[in-house]
N, C-alpha and C. Protein backbone atom coordinates (compact mmCIF):
# COMPACT_ATOMS: atom_id res chain seq x y z
N LEU A 1 -17.39 44.03 -17.39
CA LEU A 1 -16.14 43.22 -17.29
C LEU A 1 -15.22 44.41 -17.60
N GLU A 2 -14.21 44.38 -16.67
CA GLU A 2 -12.93 45.68 -16.80
C GLU A 2 -11.78 44.82 -16.98
N MET A 3 -11.01 45.01 -17.61
CA MET A 3 -9.60 44.96 -18.11
C MET A 3 -8.59 45.99 -17.52
N GLU A 4 -8.00 45.29 -16.62
CA GLU A 4 -6.98 45.99 -16.27
C GLU A 4 -5.67 46.31 -17.04
N GLU A 5 -5.03 47.04 -16.88
CA GLU A 5 -3.59 47.43 -17.90
C GLU A 5 -2.74 46.35 -17.74
N GLY A 6 -2.41 45.99 -18.46
CA GLY A 6 -1.67 44.77 -18.74
C GLY A 6 -1.82 43.60 -18.71
N ASP A 7 -3.46 43.26 -18.62
CA ASP A 7 -4.12 42.02 -18.68
C ASP A 7 -4.00 41.58 -20.28
N ASP A 8 -3.49 40.18 -20.53
CA ASP A 8 -3.43 39.77 -21.62
C ASP A 8 -4.16 38.97 -22.37
N GLY A 9 -4.02 38.06 -23.23
CA GLY A 9 -5.00 37.30 -24.28
C GLY A 9 -5.14 35.88 -23.46
N GLU A 10 -4.05 35.84 -22.24
CA GLU A 10 -4.70 34.57 -21.68
C GLU A 10 -5.86 34.11 -21.18
N THR A 11 -5.94 35.94 -20.49
CA THR A 11 -7.06 35.84 -19.66
C THR A 11 -8.40 35.51 -20.42
N VAL A 12 -8.60 36.17 -21.71
CA VAL A 12 -9.56 36.07 -22.48
C VAL A 12 -9.52 34.83 -23.22
N GLU A 13 -8.42 33.97 -23.39
CA GLU A 13 -8.41 32.41 -23.57
C GLU A 13 -9.21 31.56 -22.39
N LYS A 14 -8.89 32.02 -21.41
CA LYS A 14 -9.39 31.11 -20.48
C LYS A 14 -11.36 31.40 -20.13
N LEU A 15 -11.34 32.70 -20.31
CA LEU A 15 -12.82 32.94 -20.68
C LEU A 15 -13.77 32.73 -21.78
N ASN A 16 -12.83 32.34 -22.74
CA ASN A 16 -13.43 31.90 -23.60
C ASN A 16 -13.58 30.09 -23.72
N THR A 17 -12.60 29.32 -23.20
CA THR A 17 -12.69 28.00 -22.98
C THR A 17 -13.65 27.63 -21.71
N TYR A 18 -13.47 28.50 -20.68
CA TYR A 18 -14.00 27.68 -19.37
C TYR A 18 -15.00 28.79 -19.04
N GLY A 19 -15.42 29.85 -19.31
CA GLY A 19 -16.40 30.87 -19.02
C GLY A 19 -17.23 30.88 -20.11
N THR A 20 -17.75 32.18 -20.21
CA THR A 20 -18.73 32.49 -21.29
C THR A 20 -18.11 33.08 -22.56
N PRO A 21 -18.46 32.66 -23.68
CA PRO A 21 -17.89 33.34 -24.91
C PRO A 21 -17.90 34.75 -25.07
N MET A 22 -19.29 35.15 -24.32
CA MET A 22 -19.68 36.43 -24.27
C MET A 22 -18.54 37.43 -23.75
N SER A 23 -18.43 36.74 -22.45
CA SER A 23 -17.28 37.62 -21.85
C SER A 23 -16.00 37.71 -22.42
N ALA A 24 -15.54 36.74 -22.98
CA ALA A 24 -14.36 36.81 -23.77
C ALA A 24 -14.47 37.81 -25.07
N ARG A 25 -15.34 37.86 -25.76
CA ARG A 25 -15.67 38.75 -26.61
C ARG A 25 -15.43 40.17 -26.02
N GLU A 26 -16.13 40.47 -25.27
CA GLU A 26 -16.25 41.69 -24.48
C GLU A 26 -15.15 42.26 -23.97
N ALA A 27 -14.11 41.45 -23.51
CA ALA A 27 -12.97 41.18 -23.14
C ALA A 27 -11.72 41.90 -24.44
N VAL A 28 -12.10 41.36 -25.33
CA VAL A 28 -11.21 41.56 -26.57
C VAL A 28 -11.72 43.21 -27.08
N ASN A 29 -12.94 43.18 -27.08
CA ASN A 29 -13.58 44.27 -27.75
C ASN A 29 -13.08 45.75 -26.65
N ALA A 30 -12.88 45.45 -25.30
CA ALA A 30 -12.31 46.74 -24.86
C ALA A 30 -11.02 46.76 -24.76
N VAL A 31 -10.19 45.70 -25.02
CA VAL A 31 -8.64 46.26 -25.54
C VAL A 31 -8.96 46.72 -26.87
N ARG A 32 -9.61 46.53 -27.78
CA ARG A 32 -9.73 46.94 -29.12
C ARG A 32 -10.28 48.26 -29.10
N ALA A 33 -11.00 48.93 -27.90
CA ALA A 33 -11.81 50.12 -28.10
C ALA A 33 -10.98 51.03 -27.32
N ARG A 34 -10.14 50.41 -26.83
CA ARG A 34 -8.99 51.33 -25.80
C ARG A 34 -8.05 51.93 -27.01
N VAL A 35 -7.78 51.09 -28.15
CA VAL A 35 -6.77 52.16 -29.28
C VAL A 35 -7.59 52.35 -30.49
N GLY A 36 -9.24 52.73 -30.28
CA GLY A 36 -10.02 52.96 -31.30
C GLY A 36 -10.29 51.78 -32.53
N MET A 37 -10.05 50.97 -32.29
CA MET A 37 -10.45 49.89 -33.27
C MET A 37 -11.77 49.30 -32.93
N PRO A 38 -12.74 48.82 -34.30
CA PRO A 38 -14.03 48.49 -34.13
C PRO A 38 -13.78 47.14 -33.04
N GLY A 39 -14.92 46.85 -32.64
CA GLY A 39 -15.06 45.44 -31.90
C GLY A 39 -15.44 44.36 -32.71
N VAL A 40 -15.30 42.92 -32.45
CA VAL A 40 -15.84 42.06 -33.21
C VAL A 40 -16.89 41.09 -32.51
N ALA A 41 -17.84 40.70 -33.74
CA ALA A 41 -18.89 40.11 -33.53
C ALA A 41 -19.13 38.47 -33.26
N ASP A 42 -17.82 38.32 -33.89
CA ASP A 42 -17.54 36.68 -34.11
C ASP A 42 -18.02 35.85 -32.78
N ASP A 43 -18.11 34.75 -33.05
CA ASP A 43 -18.68 33.64 -31.87
C ASP A 43 -18.09 32.50 -32.27
N GLY A 44 -17.77 31.23 -31.42
CA GLY A 44 -17.91 30.30 -31.67
C GLY A 44 -16.25 29.95 -32.16
N GLU A 45 -16.42 29.08 -33.05
CA GLU A 45 -14.85 28.90 -33.78
C GLU A 45 -14.05 29.84 -34.52
N ALA A 46 -15.02 30.99 -35.30
CA ALA A 46 -14.63 31.89 -35.84
C ALA A 46 -14.19 32.99 -34.62
N PHE A 47 -14.72 33.06 -33.44
CA PHE A 47 -14.16 33.99 -32.51
C PHE A 47 -12.78 33.14 -31.92
N TRP A 48 -12.65 31.92 -32.08
CA TRP A 48 -10.98 31.43 -31.62
C TRP A 48 -10.15 31.78 -32.57
N LEU A 49 -10.41 31.70 -33.66
CA LEU A 49 -9.65 31.68 -34.67
C LEU A 49 -9.30 33.14 -34.86
N ARG A 50 -10.38 34.18 -34.63
CA ARG A 50 -10.05 35.82 -34.48
C ARG A 50 -8.96 35.88 -33.14
N LEU A 51 -9.64 35.20 -32.17
CA LEU A 51 -8.46 35.29 -30.65
C LEU A 51 -7.11 35.12 -30.78
N CYS A 52 -6.87 33.66 -31.59
CA CYS A 52 -5.28 33.20 -31.99
C CYS A 52 -5.10 34.59 -32.77
N ASN A 53 -5.30 34.71 -34.13
CA ASN A 53 -4.83 35.77 -34.52
C ASN A 53 -4.30 37.27 -34.02
N GLU A 54 -5.46 37.59 -33.25
CA GLU A 54 -5.23 38.83 -32.32
C GLU A 54 -3.88 38.67 -31.47
N ARG A 55 -3.39 37.42 -31.05
CA ARG A 55 -2.55 37.37 -30.19
C ARG A 55 -1.36 37.36 -31.00
N ARG A 56 -1.51 36.94 -32.26
CA ARG A 56 -0.23 36.52 -32.87
C ARG A 56 0.09 38.00 -33.54
N VAL A 57 -0.80 39.12 -33.72
CA VAL A 57 -0.53 39.70 -34.12
C VAL A 57 0.09 41.28 -32.86
N GLU A 58 -0.85 41.29 -31.72
CA GLU A 58 -0.61 42.04 -30.82
C GLU A 58 0.83 41.68 -30.11
N LEU A 59 1.11 40.54 -30.11
CA LEU A 59 2.22 40.11 -29.40
C LEU A 59 3.29 39.66 -30.18
N ALA A 60 3.76 40.07 -31.30
CA ALA A 60 4.31 39.72 -32.50
C ALA A 60 5.96 40.03 -32.19
N PHE A 61 5.92 40.79 -31.54
CA PHE A 61 7.65 40.72 -31.11
C PHE A 61 8.16 40.29 -29.23
N GLU A 62 7.00 39.90 -28.90
CA GLU A 62 7.25 39.41 -27.24
C GLU A 62 7.45 38.36 -27.12
N GLU A 63 7.70 37.49 -28.22
CA GLU A 63 8.21 35.71 -27.97
C GLU A 63 6.94 35.06 -27.16
N HIS A 64 6.05 35.54 -27.73
CA HIS A 64 4.68 34.79 -26.73
C HIS A 64 4.26 33.42 -28.08
N ARG A 65 4.78 33.52 -29.31
CA ARG A 65 4.10 32.72 -30.17
C ARG A 65 4.27 31.26 -29.79
N PHE A 66 5.64 31.05 -29.58
CA PHE A 66 6.11 29.35 -29.36
C PHE A 66 5.36 29.17 -28.17
N PHE A 67 5.25 29.82 -27.32
CA PHE A 67 4.27 28.94 -26.24
C PHE A 67 2.88 29.07 -26.40
N ASP A 68 2.14 29.94 -27.12
CA ASP A 68 1.15 29.90 -27.65
C ASP A 68 0.56 28.59 -28.48
N VAL A 69 1.32 28.33 -29.61
CA VAL A 69 1.21 27.35 -30.37
C VAL A 69 1.22 25.90 -29.94
N ARG A 70 2.21 26.10 -28.81
CA ARG A 70 2.37 24.96 -27.68
C ARG A 70 0.89 24.49 -26.95
N ARG A 71 0.65 25.66 -26.57
CA ARG A 71 -0.41 25.50 -25.39
C ARG A 71 -1.41 24.97 -26.31
N TRP A 72 -1.79 25.57 -27.08
CA TRP A 72 -3.16 25.26 -28.09
C TRP A 72 -3.03 24.22 -29.32
N LYS A 73 -1.64 23.49 -28.73
CA LYS A 73 -1.63 22.06 -29.40
C LYS A 73 -1.71 22.25 -30.95
N THR A 74 -0.95 23.24 -31.99
CA THR A 74 -1.38 23.33 -32.89
C THR A 74 0.16 23.81 -33.89
N ALA A 75 1.31 23.25 -32.67
CA ALA A 75 2.97 23.70 -33.02
C ALA A 75 3.29 22.78 -34.40
N ALA A 76 2.79 21.42 -34.00
CA ALA A 76 2.75 20.81 -35.63
C ALA A 76 2.28 21.11 -36.79
N THR A 77 1.41 21.98 -36.82
CA THR A 77 0.71 22.18 -38.02
C THR A 77 0.85 23.97 -38.39
N THR A 78 1.75 24.57 -37.50
CA THR A 78 1.92 25.77 -37.47
C THR A 78 3.36 26.16 -38.49
N ASP A 79 3.42 26.61 -39.71
CA ASP A 79 4.61 26.96 -40.19
C ASP A 79 5.51 28.49 -39.76
N LYS A 80 6.89 28.14 -39.91
CA LYS A 80 7.95 29.59 -39.18
C LYS A 80 7.58 29.88 -38.26
N VAL A 81 7.53 29.05 -37.01
CA VAL A 81 7.56 29.94 -35.50
C VAL A 81 9.06 28.92 -34.99
N PHE A 82 9.52 30.23 -35.06
CA PHE A 82 11.31 29.63 -34.52
C PHE A 82 11.66 28.41 -35.39
N GLY A 83 11.10 28.49 -36.71
CA GLY A 83 11.79 27.20 -37.38
C GLY A 83 11.28 25.89 -36.88
N LEU A 84 10.39 25.63 -36.51
CA LEU A 84 9.58 24.43 -35.85
C LEU A 84 9.36 23.24 -37.42
N ASN A 85 8.64 23.99 -37.90
CA ASN A 85 8.35 23.11 -39.24
C ASN A 85 8.90 23.63 -40.26
N ARG A 86 10.13 23.15 -40.76
CA ARG A 86 10.86 23.84 -41.93
C ARG A 86 11.78 22.97 -42.91
N LYS A 87 11.54 23.34 -43.92
CA LYS A 87 12.15 22.79 -45.05
C LYS A 87 13.16 23.69 -45.93
N GLU A 88 14.86 23.19 -45.93
CA GLU A 88 15.74 23.99 -46.40
C GLU A 88 15.88 23.26 -47.97
N SER A 89 16.52 24.36 -49.40
CA SER A 89 16.34 23.59 -50.26
C SER A 89 17.49 24.13 -50.67
N ASP A 90 18.81 23.58 -51.68
CA ASP A 90 19.80 24.38 -52.26
C ASP A 90 18.78 24.71 -53.28
N PHE A 91 19.83 25.50 -54.36
CA PHE A 91 19.41 26.28 -55.33
C PHE A 91 18.86 25.24 -56.46
N CYS A 92 19.11 23.91 -56.27
CA CYS A 92 18.59 23.25 -57.55
C CYS A 92 17.14 22.56 -56.94
N GLY A 93 16.36 22.70 -55.59
CA GLY A 93 15.65 22.40 -54.96
C GLY A 93 15.75 20.91 -54.42
N THR A 94 16.97 20.58 -54.19
CA THR A 94 17.11 19.62 -53.39
C THR A 94 17.15 19.51 -52.03
N THR A 95 16.45 18.93 -51.08
CA THR A 95 15.88 19.23 -49.82
C THR A 95 17.22 18.93 -49.17
N ILE A 96 17.65 20.18 -48.24
CA ILE A 96 19.07 20.03 -47.36
C ILE A 96 18.37 19.15 -46.07
N PHE A 97 17.70 19.59 -45.79
CA PHE A 97 17.17 19.18 -44.20
C PHE A 97 15.85 19.38 -44.14
N GLU A 98 15.10 18.98 -43.22
CA GLU A 98 13.40 19.24 -43.25
C GLU A 98 13.38 18.68 -41.86
N ARG A 99 12.60 19.68 -40.91
CA ARG A 99 12.41 19.65 -39.35
C ARG A 99 10.95 19.76 -39.43
N LYS A 100 10.49 18.75 -38.45
CA LYS A 100 8.94 18.74 -37.56
C LYS A 100 8.87 18.92 -36.35
N PHE A 101 7.84 19.78 -35.67
CA PHE A 101 7.77 19.71 -34.41
C PHE A 101 7.37 18.07 -33.93
N PRO A 102 7.96 17.60 -33.18
CA PRO A 102 7.43 16.40 -32.62
C PRO A 102 6.46 16.37 -31.68
N GLU A 103 5.09 15.74 -31.57
CA GLU A 103 3.95 15.46 -30.74
C GLU A 103 4.47 15.46 -29.23
N LYS A 104 5.39 15.02 -29.11
CA LYS A 104 6.12 14.54 -27.80
C LYS A 104 6.26 16.01 -27.24
N TYR A 105 7.03 16.91 -27.64
CA TYR A 105 7.18 18.36 -27.44
C TYR A 105 6.48 19.27 -26.57
N TYR A 106 4.91 18.48 -27.09
CA TYR A 106 3.78 19.46 -26.32
C TYR A 106 3.63 19.25 -24.56
N HIS A 107 4.38 17.79 -24.21
CA HIS A 107 4.81 17.67 -22.82
C HIS A 107 5.85 17.45 -22.62
N LEU A 108 6.51 18.02 -21.55
CA LEU A 108 7.77 18.05 -20.91
C LEU A 108 8.64 16.66 -20.32
N PRO A 109 9.68 16.02 -20.25
CA PRO A 109 9.69 14.87 -19.46
C PRO A 109 9.73 15.20 -18.33
N ILE A 110 9.36 14.31 -17.22
CA ILE A 110 9.62 14.56 -15.71
C ILE A 110 11.09 14.19 -15.63
N PRO A 111 11.61 14.88 -14.76
CA PRO A 111 13.10 14.72 -14.41
C PRO A 111 13.06 13.56 -13.54
N ALA A 112 14.33 12.98 -13.95
CA ALA A 112 14.58 11.31 -13.17
C ALA A 112 14.75 11.76 -11.95
N SER A 113 15.28 12.44 -11.38
CA SER A 113 15.17 13.31 -9.94
C SER A 113 14.07 12.90 -9.31
N GLU A 114 12.95 13.81 -9.91
CA GLU A 114 11.69 13.96 -9.18
C GLU A 114 10.84 12.80 -9.24
N LEU A 115 11.04 11.48 -10.46
CA LEU A 115 10.76 10.38 -10.48
C LEU A 115 11.32 9.48 -9.46
N THR A 116 12.62 9.73 -8.89
CA THR A 116 13.03 9.11 -7.89
C THR A 116 12.31 9.23 -6.48
N ILE A 117 12.38 10.81 -6.06
CA ILE A 117 11.72 11.43 -5.05
C ILE A 117 10.17 10.82 -4.78
N ASN A 118 9.58 10.62 -6.01
CA ASN A 118 8.15 10.33 -5.71
C ASN A 118 7.58 9.14 -6.80
N PRO A 119 7.76 8.09 -5.92
CA PRO A 119 7.53 7.12 -7.15
C PRO A 119 6.28 6.83 -7.36
N ASN A 120 5.18 7.73 -7.12
CA ASN A 120 3.81 7.84 -7.50
C ASN A 120 3.76 8.08 -8.78
N LEU A 121 4.80 9.30 -9.33
CA LEU A 121 4.78 9.94 -10.46
C LEU A 121 5.20 8.90 -11.58
N GLU A 122 4.42 8.99 -12.84
CA GLU A 122 4.83 7.93 -13.80
C GLU A 122 5.51 8.90 -15.37
N GLN A 123 6.70 8.26 -16.10
CA GLN A 123 6.82 9.42 -17.00
C GLN A 123 6.00 9.57 -18.04
N ASN A 124 5.97 10.83 -18.88
CA ASN A 124 5.46 10.97 -19.71
C ASN A 124 5.21 9.73 -20.82
N PRO A 125 4.30 9.34 -21.18
CA PRO A 125 4.73 8.50 -22.27
C PRO A 125 5.32 8.60 -23.53
N ASP A 126 5.45 9.66 -24.22
CA ASP A 126 6.33 9.66 -25.19
C ASP A 126 7.94 9.85 -24.99
N TRP A 127 8.01 10.11 -23.86
CA TRP A 127 9.56 10.25 -23.01
C TRP A 127 9.98 9.00 -22.49
N LEU A 128 9.39 7.59 -22.72
CA LEU A 128 9.95 6.76 -22.11
C LEU A 128 11.03 6.15 -23.19
């Protein structure tokens, strides 16, 4: 397996989900070897958690995190991602506001214009 310059973690995610986990691990190890880091030997759930952390660290300042946690459907339980799940208190400890990521944000609403054009489409249930 060869990874070209510019290949990203989404390729590895797809390999882990739809291909073979061994290929996904080889891809991660190829990227890590490129910068002199040791390879990973994890598999299964441990590998998935490692992969999620690798993306979080590697792409920290490239604004991928919001889309990653939405794609993985973990935004409702992930703290401190662009203020998705946040609680602010004053100096006495009184809650000023609390914000939680609504589950319906995993799927966007279908625009009304598209629903009008194609009567076979149905609006996503959370957006009715």
